[in-house]
Amino acid sequence: QVQLGESGGGLVQPGGSLTLSCAASGSIPGFNGMGWYRQAPGKEREMVATITNGRWTNYEDSVKGRFTISRESGWNTVYQQMNSLRPEDTAVYYCTLYALDGSGTYWGQGTQVTVSS
């Protein structure tokens, strides 16, 4: 099993910044990706950004240029720097870790990000 612990959510004004972090522990697959999804009220969960342990990244179009995903050199912690936040970024953000061979996907409990004046 893999455990994911998230932190860094909160309330921020439009145009502000937040950094989310997520640490993985347990039986972590050797070749994996980590990332963030989000779910706003009444909407489906959507991918925000992902990064593999080969450092390949992928971003949802609306966050390109505003969000940056990164991993520590030990590869079991992922960060998401979120700048120029907009009210439409308000959602519960979920950390995920997935095996690149498709053998498993794991989720954190989620952290609330609210962008409001």
PDB file of N, CA and C in Angstrom:
ATOM      1  N   GLN A   1       0.833  -1.206   0.000  1.00  0.00           N
ATOM      2  CA  GLN A   1       0.000   0.000   0.000  1.00  0.00           C
ATOM      3  C   GLN A   1       0.862   1.249   0.000  1.00  0.00           C
ATOM      4  N   VAL A   2       0.284   2.308  -0.529  1.00  0.00           N
ATOM      5  CA  VAL A   2       0.951   3.605  -0.580  1.00  0.00           C
ATOM      6  C   VAL A   2       0.101   4.604   0.183  1.00  0.00           C
ATOM      7  N   GLN A   3       0.746   5.406   1.015  1.00  0.00           N
ATOM      8  CA  GLN A   3       0.060   6.469   1.734  1.00  0.00           C
ATOM      9  C   GLN A   3       0.553   7.815   1.205  1.00  0.00           C
ATOM     10  N   LEU A   4      -0.391   8.751   1.058  1.00  0.00           N
ATOM     11  CA  LEU A   4      -0.081  10.084   0.556  1.00  0.00           C
ATOM     12  C   LEU A   4      -0.562  11.115   1.567  1.00  0.00           C
ATOM     13  N   GLY A   5       0.339  12.002   1.969  1.00  0.00           N
ATOM     14  CA  GLY A   5      -0.015  13.057   2.911  1.00  0.00           C
ATOM     15  C   GLY A   5       0.132  14.421   2.270  1.00  0.00           C
ATOM     16  N   GLU A   6      -0.966  15.164   2.209  1.00  0.00           N
ATOM     17  CA  GLU A   6      -0.993  16.468   1.535  1.00  0.00           C
ATOM     18  C   GLU A   6      -0.985  17.604   2.550  1.00  0.00           C
ATOM     19  N   SER A   7      -0.481  18.753   2.107  1.00  0.00           N
ATOM     20  CA  SER A   7      -0.563  19.963   2.920  1.00  0.00           C
ATOM     21  C   SER A   7      -0.472  21.174   2.009  1.00  0.00           C
ATOM     22  N   GLY A   8      -0.870  22.330   2.531  1.00  0.00           N
ATOM     23  CA  GLY A   8      -0.652  23.579   1.828  1.00  0.00           C
ATOM     24  C   GLY A   8      -1.879  24.273   1.290  1.00  0.00           C
ATOM     25  N   GLY A   9      -3.050  23.673   1.440  1.00  0.00           N
ATOM     26  CA  GLY A   9      -4.247  24.355   0.959  1.00  0.00           C
ATOM     27  C   GLY A   9      -4.613  25.520   1.846  1.00  0.00           C
ATOM     28  N   GLY A  10      -5.642  26.267   1.431  1.00  0.00           N
ATOM     29  CA  GLY A  10      -6.094  27.388   2.245  1.00  0.00           C
ATOM     30  C   GLY A  10      -6.881  28.386   1.439  1.00  0.00           C
ATOM     31  N   LEU A  11      -7.068  29.552   2.035  1.00  0.00           N
ATOM     32  CA  LEU A  11      -7.810  30.647   1.412  1.00  0.00           C
ATOM     33  C   LEU A  11      -6.826  31.696   0.917  1.00  0.00           C
ATOM     34  N   VAL A  12      -7.014  32.146  -0.310  1.00  0.00           N
ATOM     35  CA  VAL A  12      -6.119  33.139  -0.888  1.00  0.00           C
ATOM     36  C   VAL A  12      -6.940  34.073  -1.775  1.00  0.00           C
ATOM     37  N   GLN A  13      -6.492  35.301  -1.890  1.00  0.00           N
ATOM     38  CA  GLN A  13      -7.186  36.257  -2.747  1.00  0.00           C
ATOM     39  C   GLN A  13      -6.831  36.023  -4.211  1.00  0.00           C
ATOM     40  N   PRO A  14      -7.694  36.430  -5.120  1.00  0.00           N
ATOM     41  CA  PRO A  14      -7.357  36.323  -6.549  1.00  0.00           C
ATOM     42  C   PRO A  14      -6.026  37.001  -6.849  1.00  0.00           C
ATOM     43  N   GLY A  15      -5.225  36.346  -7.666  1.00  0.00           N
ATOM     44  CA  GLY A  15      -3.886  36.841  -7.972  1.00  0.00           C
ATOM     45  C   GLY A  15      -2.824  36.365  -7.011  1.00  0.00           C
ATOM     46  N   GLY A  16      -3.222  35.719  -5.934  1.00  0.00           N
ATOM     47  CA  GLY A  16      -2.279  35.241  -4.939  1.00  0.00           C
ATOM     48  C   GLY A  16      -1.644  33.912  -5.300  1.00  0.00           C
ATOM     49  N   SER A  17      -0.849  33.394  -4.366  1.00  0.00           N
ATOM     50  CA  SER A  17      -0.102  32.161  -4.598  1.00  0.00           C
ATOM     51  C   SER A  17      -0.256  31.209  -3.421  1.00  0.00           C
ATOM     52  N   LEU A  18      -0.165  29.934  -3.729  1.00  0.00           N
ATOM     53  CA  LEU A  18      -0.129  28.870  -2.732  1.00  0.00           C
ATOM     54  C   LEU A  18       0.801  27.786  -3.235  1.00  0.00           C
ATOM     55  N   THR A  19       1.369  27.024  -2.296  1.00  0.00           N
ATOM     56  CA  THR A  19       2.157  25.861  -2.664  1.00  0.00           C
ATOM     57  C   THR A  19       1.582  24.639  -1.969  1.00  0.00           C
ATOM     58  N   LEU A  20       1.259  23.618  -2.748  1.00  0.00           N
ATOM     59  CA  LEU A  20       0.800  22.347  -2.212  1.00  0.00           C
ATOM     60  C   LEU A  20       1.972  21.382  -2.177  1.00  0.00           C
ATOM     61  N   SER A  21       2.002  20.528  -1.160  1.00  0.00           N
ATOM     62  CA  SER A  21       3.014  19.486  -1.099  1.00  0.00           C
ATOM     63  C   SER A  21       2.356  18.153  -0.763  1.00  0.00           C
ATOM     64  N   CYS A  22       3.001  17.087  -1.186  1.00  0.00           N
ATOM     65  CA  CYS A  22       2.463  15.740  -0.969  1.00  0.00           C
ATOM     66  C   CYS A  22       3.638  14.785  -0.815  1.00  0.00           C
ATOM     67  N   ALA A  23       3.656  14.054   0.286  1.00  0.00           N
ATOM     68  CA  ALA A  23       4.704  13.074   0.546  1.00  0.00           C
ATOM     69  C   ALA A  23       4.127  11.669   0.481  1.00  0.00           C
ATOM     70  N   ALA A  24       4.808  10.802  -0.254  1.00  0.00           N
ATOM     71  CA  ALA A  24       4.378   9.414  -0.390  1.00  0.00           C
ATOM     72  C   ALA A  24       5.228   8.506   0.480  1.00  0.00           C
ATOM     73  N   SER A  25       4.608   7.481   1.019  1.00  0.00           N
ATOM     74  CA  SER A  25       5.322   6.480   1.801  1.00  0.00           C
ATOM     75  C   SER A  25       4.684   5.117   1.569  1.00  0.00           C
ATOM     76  N   GLY A  26       5.395   4.073   1.964  1.00  0.00           N
ATOM     77  CA  GLY A  26       4.873   2.721   1.788  1.00  0.00           C
ATOM     78  C   GLY A  26       5.557   2.005   0.629  1.00  0.00           C
ATOM     79  N   SER A  27       4.820   1.109   0.007  1.00  0.00           N
ATOM     80  CA  SER A  27       5.355   0.290  -1.080  1.00  0.00           C
ATOM     81  C   SER A  27       5.204   1.035  -2.409  1.00  0.00           C
ATOM     82  N   ILE A  28       6.111   1.938  -2.659  1.00  0.00           N
ATOM     83  CA  ILE A  28       6.013   2.823  -3.827  1.00  0.00           C
ATOM     84  C   ILE A  28       6.540   2.119  -5.067  1.00  0.00           C
ATOM     85  N   PRO A  29       5.774   2.083  -6.141  1.00  0.00           N
ATOM     86  CA  PRO A  29       6.254   1.462  -7.387  1.00  0.00           C
ATOM     87  C   PRO A  29       7.514   2.146  -7.891  1.00  0.00           C
ATOM     88  N   GLY A  30       8.413   1.379  -8.462  1.00  0.00           N
ATOM     89  CA  GLY A  30       9.686   1.939  -8.888  1.00  0.00           C
ATOM     90  C   GLY A  30       9.564   2.982  -9.976  1.00  0.00           C
ATOM     91  N   PHE A  31       8.719   2.719 -10.964  1.00  0.00           N
ATOM     92  CA  PHE A  31       8.494   3.666 -12.054  1.00  0.00           C
ATOM     93  C   PHE A  31       7.099   4.243 -11.862  1.00  0.00           C
ATOM     94  N   ASN A  32       7.044   5.500 -11.518  1.00  0.00           N
ATOM     95  CA  ASN A  32       5.747   6.067 -11.165  1.00  0.00           C
ATOM     96  C   ASN A  32       5.626   7.507 -11.585  1.00  0.00           C
ATOM     97  N   GLY A  33       4.419   7.978 -11.521  1.00  0.00           N
ATOM     98  CA  GLY A  33       4.142   9.391 -11.686  1.00  0.00           C
ATOM     99  C   GLY A  33       3.418   9.891 -10.453  1.00  0.00           C
ATOM    100  N   MET A  34       3.568  11.163 -10.171  1.00  0.00           N
ATOM    101  CA  MET A  34       2.815  11.803  -9.095  1.00  0.00           C
ATOM    102  C   MET A  34       2.181  13.055  -9.653  1.00  0.00           C
ATOM    103  N   GLY A  35       1.169  13.516  -8.999  1.00  0.00           N
ATOM    104  CA  GLY A  35       0.557  14.729  -9.504  1.00  0.00           C
ATOM    105  C   GLY A  35      -0.632  15.167  -8.687  1.00  0.00           C
ATOM    106  N   TRP A  36      -1.377  16.090  -9.277  1.00  0.00           N
ATOM    107  CA  TRP A  36      -2.528  16.692  -8.623  1.00  0.00           C
ATOM    108  C   TRP A  36      -3.735  16.685  -9.545  1.00  0.00           C
ATOM    109  N   TYR A  37      -4.855  16.319  -8.968  1.00  0.00           N
ATOM    110  CA  TYR A  37      -6.148  16.470  -9.596  1.00  0.00           C
ATOM    111  C   TYR A  37      -6.963  17.424  -8.716  1.00  0.00           C
ATOM    112  N   ARG A  38      -8.046  17.937  -9.266  1.00  0.00           N
ATOM    113  CA  ARG A  38      -8.923  18.793  -8.475  1.00  0.00           C
ATOM    114  C   ARG A  38     -10.373  18.516  -8.821  1.00  0.00           C
ATOM    115  N   GLN A  39     -11.227  18.800  -7.839  1.00  0.00           N
ATOM    116  CA  GLN A  39     -12.659  18.633  -8.050  1.00  0.00           C
ATOM    117  C   GLN A  39     -13.383  19.806  -7.416  1.00  0.00           C
ATOM    118  N   ALA A  40     -14.072  20.557  -8.257  1.00  0.00           N
ATOM    119  CA  ALA A  40     -14.881  21.677  -7.795  1.00  0.00           C
ATOM    120  C   ALA A  40     -16.316  21.192  -7.551  1.00  0.00           C
ATOM    121  N   PRO A  41     -17.086  21.896  -6.729  1.00  0.00           N
ATOM    122  CA  PRO A  41     -18.463  21.470  -6.459  1.00  0.00           C
ATOM    123  C   PRO A  41     -19.261  21.323  -7.737  1.00  0.00           C
ATOM    124  N   GLY A  42     -19.926  20.188  -7.895  1.00  0.00           N
ATOM    125  CA  GLY A  42     -20.761  19.949  -9.050  1.00  0.00           C
ATOM    126  C   GLY A  42     -20.021  19.583 -10.321  1.00  0.00           C
ATOM    127  N   LYS A  43     -18.698  19.414 -10.216  1.00  0.00           N
ATOM    128  CA  LYS A  43     -17.911  19.082 -11.403  1.00  0.00           C
ATOM    129  C   LYS A  43     -17.167  17.772 -11.189  1.00  0.00           C
ATOM    130  N   GLU A  44     -16.721  17.194 -12.289  1.00  0.00           N
ATOM    131  CA  GLU A  44     -15.946  15.974 -12.204  1.00  0.00           C
ATOM    132  C   GLU A  44     -14.492  16.293 -11.832  1.00  0.00           C
ATOM    133  N   ARG A  45     -13.830  15.294 -11.278  1.00  0.00           N
ATOM    134  CA  ARG A  45     -12.423  15.449 -10.953  1.00  0.00           C
ATOM    135  C   ARG A  45     -11.634  15.583 -12.253  1.00  0.00           C
ATOM    136  N   GLU A  46     -10.674  16.525 -12.276  1.00  0.00           N
ATOM    137  CA  GLU A  46      -9.875  16.738 -13.471  1.00  0.00           C
ATOM    138  C   GLU A  46      -8.394  16.789 -13.122  1.00  0.00           C
ATOM    139  N   MET A  47      -7.585  16.370 -14.098  1.00  0.00           N
ATOM    140  CA  MET A  47      -6.136  16.427 -13.932  1.00  0.00           C
ATOM    141  C   MET A  47      -5.689  17.878 -13.954  1.00  0.00           C
ATOM    142  N   VAL A  48      -4.779  18.234 -13.048  1.00  0.00           N
ATOM    143  CA  VAL A  48      -4.189  19.570 -13.025  1.00  0.00           C
ATOM    144  C   VAL A  48      -2.759  19.514 -13.562  1.00  0.00           C
ATOM    145  N   ALA A  49      -1.943  18.646 -12.968  1.00  0.00           N
ATOM    146  CA  ALA A  49      -0.555  18.516 -13.389  1.00  0.00           C
ATOM    147  C   ALA A  49      -0.001  17.193 -12.898  1.00  0.00           C
ATOM    148  N   THR A  50       0.885  16.603 -13.701  1.00  0.00           N
ATOM    149  CA  THR A  50       1.534  15.359 -13.305  1.00  0.00           C
ATOM    150  C   THR A  50       3.008  15.424 -13.662  1.00  0.00           C
ATOM    151  N   ILE A  51       3.801  14.609 -12.957  1.00  0.00           N
ATOM    152  CA  ILE A  51       5.236  14.524 -13.214  1.00  0.00           C
ATOM    153  C   ILE A  51       5.682  13.096 -12.938  1.00  0.00           C
ATOM    154  N   THR A  52       6.435  12.526 -13.868  1.00  0.00           N
ATOM    155  CA  THR A  52       6.939  11.176 -13.667  1.00  0.00           C
ATOM    156  C   THR A  52       8.282  11.244 -12.941  1.00  0.00           C
ATOM    157  N   ASN A  53       8.797  10.085 -12.505  1.00  0.00           N
ATOM    158  CA  ASN A  53      10.123  10.118 -11.889  1.00  0.00           C
ATOM    159  C   ASN A  53      11.219  10.221 -12.930  1.00  0.00           C
ATOM    160  N   GLY A  54      10.831  10.276 -14.205  1.00  0.00           N
ATOM    161  CA  GLY A  54      11.756  10.683 -15.257  1.00  0.00           C
ATOM    162  C   GLY A  54      11.647  12.159 -15.550  1.00  0.00           C
ATOM    163  N   ARG A  55      10.837  12.854 -14.748  1.00  0.00           N
ATOM    164  CA  ARG A  55      10.667  14.308 -14.780  1.00  0.00           C
ATOM    165  C   ARG A  55       9.842  14.809 -15.962  1.00  0.00           C
ATOM    166  N   TRP A  56       9.113  13.913 -16.634  1.00  0.00           N
ATOM    167  CA  TRP A  56       8.195  14.376 -17.678  1.00  0.00           C
ATOM    168  C   TRP A  56       6.989  15.014 -16.990  1.00  0.00           C
ATOM    169  N   THR A  57       6.569  16.181 -17.479  1.00  0.00           N
ATOM    170  CA  THR A  57       5.447  16.886 -16.888  1.00  0.00           C
ATOM    171  C   THR A  57       4.303  17.044 -17.875  1.00  0.00           C
ATOM    172  N   ASN A  58       3.099  17.193 -17.313  1.00  0.00           N
ATOM    173  CA  ASN A  58       1.925  17.422 -18.123  1.00  0.00           C
ATOM    174  C   ASN A  58       1.018  18.357 -17.339  1.00  0.00           C
ATOM    175  N   TYR A  59       0.436  19.353 -18.027  1.00  0.00           N
ATOM    176  CA  TYR A  59      -0.412  20.337 -17.366  1.00  0.00           C
ATOM    177  C   TYR A  59      -1.750  20.467 -18.081  1.00  0.00           C
ATOM    178  N   GLU A  60      -2.775  20.720 -17.300  1.00  0.00           N
ATOM    179  CA  GLU A  60      -4.072  21.089 -17.858  1.00  0.00           C
ATOM    180  C   GLU A  60      -3.928  22.476 -18.466  1.00  0.00           C
ATOM    181  N   ASP A  61      -4.593  22.721 -19.573  1.00  0.00           N
ATOM    182  CA  ASP A  61      -4.361  23.952 -20.339  1.00  0.00           C
ATOM    183  C   ASP A  61      -4.565  25.227 -19.515  1.00  0.00           C
ATOM    184  N   SER A  62      -5.573  25.268 -18.654  1.00  0.00           N
ATOM    185  CA  SER A  62      -5.887  26.517 -17.962  1.00  0.00           C
ATOM    186  C   SER A  62      -4.851  26.887 -16.897  1.00  0.00           C
ATOM    187  N   VAL A  63      -3.973  25.952 -16.527  1.00  0.00           N
ATOM    188  CA  VAL A  63      -2.971  26.268 -15.494  1.00  0.00           C
ATOM    189  C   VAL A  63      -1.580  26.455 -16.070  1.00  0.00           C
ATOM    190  N   LYS A  64      -1.423  26.206 -17.366  1.00  0.00           N
ATOM    191  CA  LYS A  64      -0.099  26.378 -17.974  1.00  0.00           C
ATOM    192  C   LYS A  64       0.375  27.820 -17.811  1.00  0.00           C
ATOM    193  N   GLY A  65       1.612  27.972 -17.399  1.00  0.00           N
ATOM    194  CA  GLY A  65       2.169  29.298 -17.173  1.00  0.00           C
ATOM    195  C   GLY A  65       1.881  29.860 -15.798  1.00  0.00           C
ATOM    196  N   ARG A  66       0.966  29.219 -15.053  1.00  0.00           N
ATOM    197  CA  ARG A  66       0.635  29.702 -13.708  1.00  0.00           C
ATOM    198  C   ARG A  66       1.043  28.707 -12.616  1.00  0.00           C
ATOM    199  N   PHE A  67       0.922  27.421 -12.902  1.00  0.00           N
ATOM    200  CA  PHE A  67       1.262  26.371 -11.944  1.00  0.00           C
ATOM    201  C   PHE A  67       2.546  25.678 -12.385  1.00  0.00           C
ATOM    202  N   THR A  68       3.339  25.274 -11.393  1.00  0.00           N
ATOM    203  CA  THR A  68       4.556  24.521 -11.668  1.00  0.00           C
ATOM    204  C   THR A  68       4.618  23.321 -10.735  1.00  0.00           C
ATOM    205  N   ILE A  69       4.773  22.131 -11.321  1.00  0.00           N
ATOM    206  CA  ILE A  69       4.887  20.915 -10.530  1.00  0.00           C
ATOM    207  C   ILE A  69       6.352  20.493 -10.489  1.00  0.00           C
ATOM    208  N   SER A  70       6.786  19.984  -9.353  1.00  0.00           N
ATOM    209  CA  SER A  70       8.169  19.546  -9.209  1.00  0.00           C
ATOM    210  C   SER A  70       8.240  18.402  -8.209  1.00  0.00           C
ATOM    211  N   ARG A  71       9.351  17.670  -8.268  1.00  0.00           N
ATOM    212  CA  ARG A  71       9.581  16.555  -7.330  1.00  0.00           C
ATOM    213  C   ARG A  71      10.944  16.723  -6.687  1.00  0.00           C
ATOM    214  N   GLU A  72      11.036  16.277  -5.441  1.00  0.00           N
ATOM    215  CA  GLU A  72      12.322  16.268  -4.764  1.00  0.00           C
ATOM    216  C   GLU A  72      13.237  15.228  -5.405  1.00  0.00           C
ATOM    217  N   SER A  73      14.536  15.384  -5.181  1.00  0.00           N
ATOM    218  CA  SER A  73      15.503  14.475  -5.787  1.00  0.00           C
ATOM    219  C   SER A  73      15.289  13.033  -5.347  1.00  0.00           C
ATOM    220  N   GLY A  74      14.704  12.815  -4.166  1.00  0.00           N
ATOM    221  CA  GLY A  74      14.383  11.472  -3.708  1.00  0.00           C
ATOM    222  C   GLY A  74      13.118  10.924  -4.328  1.00  0.00           C
ATOM    223  N   TRP A  75      12.394  11.784  -5.040  1.00  0.00           N
ATOM    224  CA  TRP A  75      11.267  11.423  -5.889  1.00  0.00           C
ATOM    225  C   TRP A  75      10.002  11.002  -5.158  1.00  0.00           C
ATOM    226  N   ASN A  76       9.949  11.065  -3.837  1.00  0.00           N
ATOM    227  CA  ASN A  76       8.730  10.653  -3.153  1.00  0.00           C
ATOM    228  C   ASN A  76       7.905  11.814  -2.619  1.00  0.00           C
ATOM    229  N   THR A  77       8.293  13.014  -2.941  1.00  0.00           N
ATOM    230  CA  THR A  77       7.548  14.201  -2.549  1.00  0.00           C
ATOM    231  C   THR A  77       7.334  15.073  -3.767  1.00  0.00           C
ATOM    232  N   VAL A  78       6.110  15.533  -3.938  1.00  0.00           N
ATOM    233  CA  VAL A  78       5.781  16.377  -5.071  1.00  0.00           C
ATOM    234  C   VAL A  78       5.230  17.699  -4.568  1.00  0.00           C
ATOM    235  N   TYR A  79       5.541  18.755  -5.298  1.00  0.00           N
ATOM    236  CA  TYR A  79       5.078  20.090  -4.963  1.00  0.00           C
ATOM    237  C   TYR A  79       4.323  20.681  -6.152  1.00  0.00           C
ATOM    238  N   GLN A  80       3.423  21.563  -5.854  1.00  0.00           N
ATOM    239  CA  GLN A  80       2.751  22.322  -6.904  1.00  0.00           C
ATOM    240  C   GLN A  80       2.710  23.786  -6.473  1.00  0.00           C
ATOM    241  N   GLN A  81       3.487  24.595  -7.154  1.00  0.00           N
ATOM    242  CA  GLN A  81       3.473  26.034  -6.930  1.00  0.00           C
ATOM    243  C   GLN A  81       2.376  26.631  -7.795  1.00  0.00           C
ATOM    244  N   MET A  82       1.428  27.318  -7.159  1.00  0.00           N
ATOM    245  CA  MET A  82       0.287  27.883  -7.876  1.00  0.00           C
ATOM    246  C   MET A  82       0.332  29.398  -7.749  1.00  0.00           C
ATOM    247  N   ASN A  83       0.518  30.071  -8.873  1.00  0.00           N
ATOM    248  CA  ASN A  83       0.573  31.535  -8.919  1.00  0.00           C
ATOM    249  C   ASN A  83      -0.616  32.078  -9.695  1.00  0.00           C
ATOM    250  N   SER A  84      -0.848  33.365  -9.551  1.00  0.00           N
ATOM    251  CA  SER A  84      -1.930  34.047 -10.278  1.00  0.00           C
ATOM    252  C   SER A  84      -3.243  33.291 -10.140  1.00  0.00           C
ATOM    253  N   LEU A  85      -3.561  32.903  -8.923  1.00  0.00           N
ATOM    254  CA  LEU A  85      -4.756  32.095  -8.691  1.00  0.00           C
ATOM    255  C   LEU A  85      -6.029  32.858  -9.045  1.00  0.00           C
ATOM    256  N   ARG A  86      -6.987  32.112  -9.557  1.00  0.00           N
ATOM    257  CA  ARG A  86      -8.278  32.665  -9.998  1.00  0.00           C
ATOM    258  C   ARG A  86      -9.401  32.004  -9.194  1.00  0.00           C
ATOM    259  N   PRO A  87     -10.537  32.670  -9.100  1.00  0.00           N
ATOM    260  CA  PRO A  87     -11.667  32.035  -8.397  1.00  0.00           C
ATOM    261  C   PRO A  87     -12.021  30.668  -8.965  1.00  0.00           C
ATOM    262  N   GLU A  88     -11.854  30.483 -10.264  1.00  0.00           N
ATOM    263  CA  GLU A  88     -12.180  29.187 -10.869  1.00  0.00           C
ATOM    264  C   GLU A  88     -11.186  28.087 -10.516  1.00  0.00           C
ATOM    265  N   ASP A  89     -10.097  28.434  -9.828  1.00  0.00           N
ATOM    266  CA  ASP A  89      -9.182  27.404  -9.323  1.00  0.00           C
ATOM    267  C   ASP A  89      -9.667  26.811  -7.998  1.00  0.00           C
ATOM    268  N   THR A  90     -10.727  27.387  -7.440  1.00  0.00           N
ATOM    269  CA  THR A  90     -11.276  26.874  -6.185  1.00  0.00           C
ATOM    270  C   THR A  90     -11.750  25.440  -6.352  1.00  0.00           C
ATOM    271  N   ALA A  91     -11.237  24.560  -5.497  1.00  0.00           N
ATOM    272  CA  ALA A  91     -11.561  23.137  -5.586  1.00  0.00           C
ATOM    273  C   ALA A  91     -10.876  22.400  -4.445  1.00  0.00           C
ATOM    274  N   VAL A  92     -11.227  21.143  -4.293  1.00  0.00           N
ATOM    275  CA  VAL A  92     -10.441  20.232  -3.459  1.00  0.00           C
ATOM    276  C   VAL A  92      -9.359  19.636  -4.352  1.00  0.00           C
ATOM    277  N   TYR A  93      -8.127  19.757  -3.931  1.00  0.00           N
ATOM    278  CA  TYR A  93      -6.992  19.257  -4.698  1.00  0.00           C
ATOM    279  C   TYR A  93      -6.524  17.933  -4.097  1.00  0.00           C
ATOM    280  N   TYR A  94      -6.414  16.922  -4.956  1.00  0.00           N
ATOM    281  CA  TYR A  94      -6.037  15.581  -4.533  1.00  0.00           C
ATOM    282  C   TYR A  94      -4.671  15.213  -5.099  1.00  0.00           C
ATOM    283  N   CYS A  95      -3.815  14.745  -4.234  1.00  0.00           N
ATOM    284  CA  CYS A  95      -2.532  14.200  -4.667  1.00  0.00           C
ATOM    285  C   CYS A  95      -2.733  12.774  -5.148  1.00  0.00           C
ATOM    286  N   THR A  96      -2.011  12.402  -6.180  1.00  0.00           N
ATOM    287  CA  THR A  96      -2.096  11.042  -6.681  1.00  0.00           C
ATOM    288  C   THR A  96      -0.708  10.498  -6.980  1.00  0.00           C
ATOM    289  N   LEU A  97      -0.549   9.207  -6.834  1.00  0.00           N
ATOM    290  CA  LEU A  97       0.661   8.489  -7.264  1.00  0.00           C
ATOM    291  C   LEU A  97       0.184   7.291  -8.060  1.00  0.00           C
ATOM    292  N   TYR A  98       0.772   7.077  -9.228  1.00  0.00           N
ATOM    293  CA  TYR A  98       0.318   5.985 -10.079  1.00  0.00           C
ATOM    294  C   TYR A  98       1.519   5.239 -10.644  1.00  0.00           C
ATOM    295  N   ALA A  99       1.387   3.936 -10.724  1.00  0.00           N
ATOM    296  CA  ALA A  99       2.427   3.119 -11.330  1.00  0.00           C
ATOM    297  C   ALA A  99       2.366   3.271 -12.846  1.00  0.00           C
ATOM    298  N   LEU A 100       3.494   3.460 -13.475  1.00  0.00           N
ATOM    299  CA  LEU A 100       3.506   3.670 -14.927  1.00  0.00           C
ATOM    300  C   LEU A 100       3.110   2.414 -15.700  1.00  0.00           C
ATOM    301  N   ASP A 101       3.176   1.253 -15.060  1.00  0.00           N
ATOM    302  CA  ASP A 101       2.743   0.032 -15.740  1.00  0.00           C
ATOM    303  C   ASP A 101       1.260  -0.243 -15.526  1.00  0.00           C
ATOM    304  N   GLY A 102       0.567   0.698 -14.876  1.00  0.00           N
ATOM    305  CA  GLY A 102      -0.875   0.562 -14.690  1.00  0.00           C
ATOM    306  C   GLY A 102      -1.296  -0.344 -13.555  1.00  0.00           C
ATOM    307  N   SER A 103      -0.354  -0.733 -12.723  1.00  0.00           N
ATOM    308  CA  SER A 103      -0.666  -1.710 -11.676  1.00  0.00           C
ATOM    309  C   SER A 103      -1.333  -1.106 -10.458  1.00  0.00           C
ATOM    310  N   GLY A 104      -1.371   0.219 -10.345  1.00  0.00           N
ATOM    311  CA  GLY A 104      -2.047   0.799  -9.188  1.00  0.00           C
ATOM    312  C   GLY A 104      -2.065   2.312  -9.234  1.00  0.00           C
ATOM    313  N   THR A 105      -3.104   2.890  -8.672  1.00  0.00           N
ATOM    314  CA  THR A 105      -3.243   4.333  -8.526  1.00  0.00           C
ATOM    315  C   THR A 105      -3.686   4.615  -7.107  1.00  0.00           C
ATOM    316  N   TYR A 106      -3.057   5.597  -6.480  1.00  0.00           N
ATOM    317  CA  TYR A 106      -3.329   5.898  -5.079  1.00  0.00           C
ATOM    318  C   TYR A 106      -3.669   7.376  -4.948  1.00  0.00           C
ATOM    319  N   TRP A 107      -4.514   7.669  -3.938  1.00  0.00           N
ATOM    320  CA  TRP A 107      -5.018   9.033  -3.768  1.00  0.00           C
ATOM    321  C   TRP A 107      -4.844   9.505  -2.340  1.00  0.00           C
ATOM    322  N   GLY A 108      -4.564  10.791  -2.197  1.00  0.00           N
ATOM    323  CA  GLY A 108      -4.604  11.417  -0.897  1.00  0.00           C
ATOM    324  C   GLY A 108      -6.024  11.789  -0.526  1.00  0.00           C
ATOM    325  N   GLN A 109      -6.191  12.356   0.663  1.00  0.00           N
ATOM    326  CA  GLN A 109      -7.524  12.683   1.146  1.00  0.00           C
ATOM    327  C   GLN A 109      -8.027  14.017   0.623  1.00  0.00           C
ATOM    328  N   GLY A 110      -7.146  14.820   0.056  1.00  0.00           N
ATOM    329  CA  GLY A 110      -7.560  16.090  -0.528  1.00  0.00           C
ATOM    330  C   GLY A 110      -7.308  17.269   0.391  1.00  0.00           C
ATOM    331  N   THR A 111      -7.037  18.404  -0.216  1.00  0.00           N
ATOM    332  CA  THR A 111      -6.855  19.645   0.533  1.00  0.00           C
ATOM    333  C   THR A 111      -7.614  20.757  -0.187  1.00  0.00           C
ATOM    334  N   GLN A 112      -8.333  21.568   0.578  1.00  0.00           N
ATOM    335  CA  GLN A 112      -9.185  22.600  -0.004  1.00  0.00           C
ATOM    336  C   GLN A 112      -8.372  23.828  -0.372  1.00  0.00           C
ATOM    337  N   VAL A 113      -8.576  24.298  -1.594  1.00  0.00           N
ATOM    338  CA  VAL A 113      -8.019  25.575  -2.050  1.00  0.00           C
ATOM    339  C   VAL A 113      -9.198  26.479  -2.409  1.00  0.00           C
ATOM    340  N   THR A 114      -9.268  27.627  -1.772  1.00  0.00           N
ATOM    341  CA  THR A 114     -10.343  28.581  -2.039  1.00  0.00           C
ATOM    342  C   THR A 114      -9.722  29.906  -2.450  1.00  0.00           C
ATOM    343  N   VAL A 115     -10.135  30.394  -3.626  1.00  0.00           N
ATOM    344  CA  VAL A 115      -9.647  31.665  -4.150  1.00  0.00           C
ATOM    345  C   VAL A 115     -10.821  32.643  -4.141  1.00  0.00           C
ATOM    346  N   SER A 116     -10.738  33.609  -3.248  1.00  0.00           N
ATOM    347  CA  SER A 116     -11.869  34.519  -3.079  1.00  0.00           C
ATOM    348  C   SER A 116     -11.390  35.806  -2.424  1.00  0.00           C
ATOM    349  N   SER A 117     -12.061  36.900  -2.789  1.00  0.00           N
ATOM    350  CA  SER A 117     -11.758  38.182  -2.150  1.00  0.00           C
ATOM    351  C   SER A 117     -12.692  38.419  -0.971  1.00  0.00           C
TER     352      SER A 117
END
